[in-house]
């Protein structure tokens, strides 16, 4: 399964009330972004384009992929730069589950399960 597929699977398992995955493209031209959007048309994730790079600049994005974990109160809890063991699917699942088990909302059984 591709990285996009794994992220989509996590999003599907939990639903947008528990987890929101947002992909932001900022390094390509608008035309390349449109082609990427068409290529990922069937993906059920929120995908958007940072045309001027203002979001990337604000968050000091310097590597691709660059992933932020943001808790329910809107606080950035972790930043992943590039591909690492912590940013593997297994590491992300553990991190998401830890965030879901903390207040303000109980996880209510909404844990991500690794595919078998």
Foldseek 3Di string as FASTA:
>chain_A
DDPLVLVLLLCVLQPPVQDADEAEAEDDAPVVVVVVCVVCVVRPHHYYYPDVCPVCVVVVQDAPPWDFDAAPVRHTDDIDHDDDPCPPSVNVQVVSQVRQCDDPDHVVPRGDDDDD
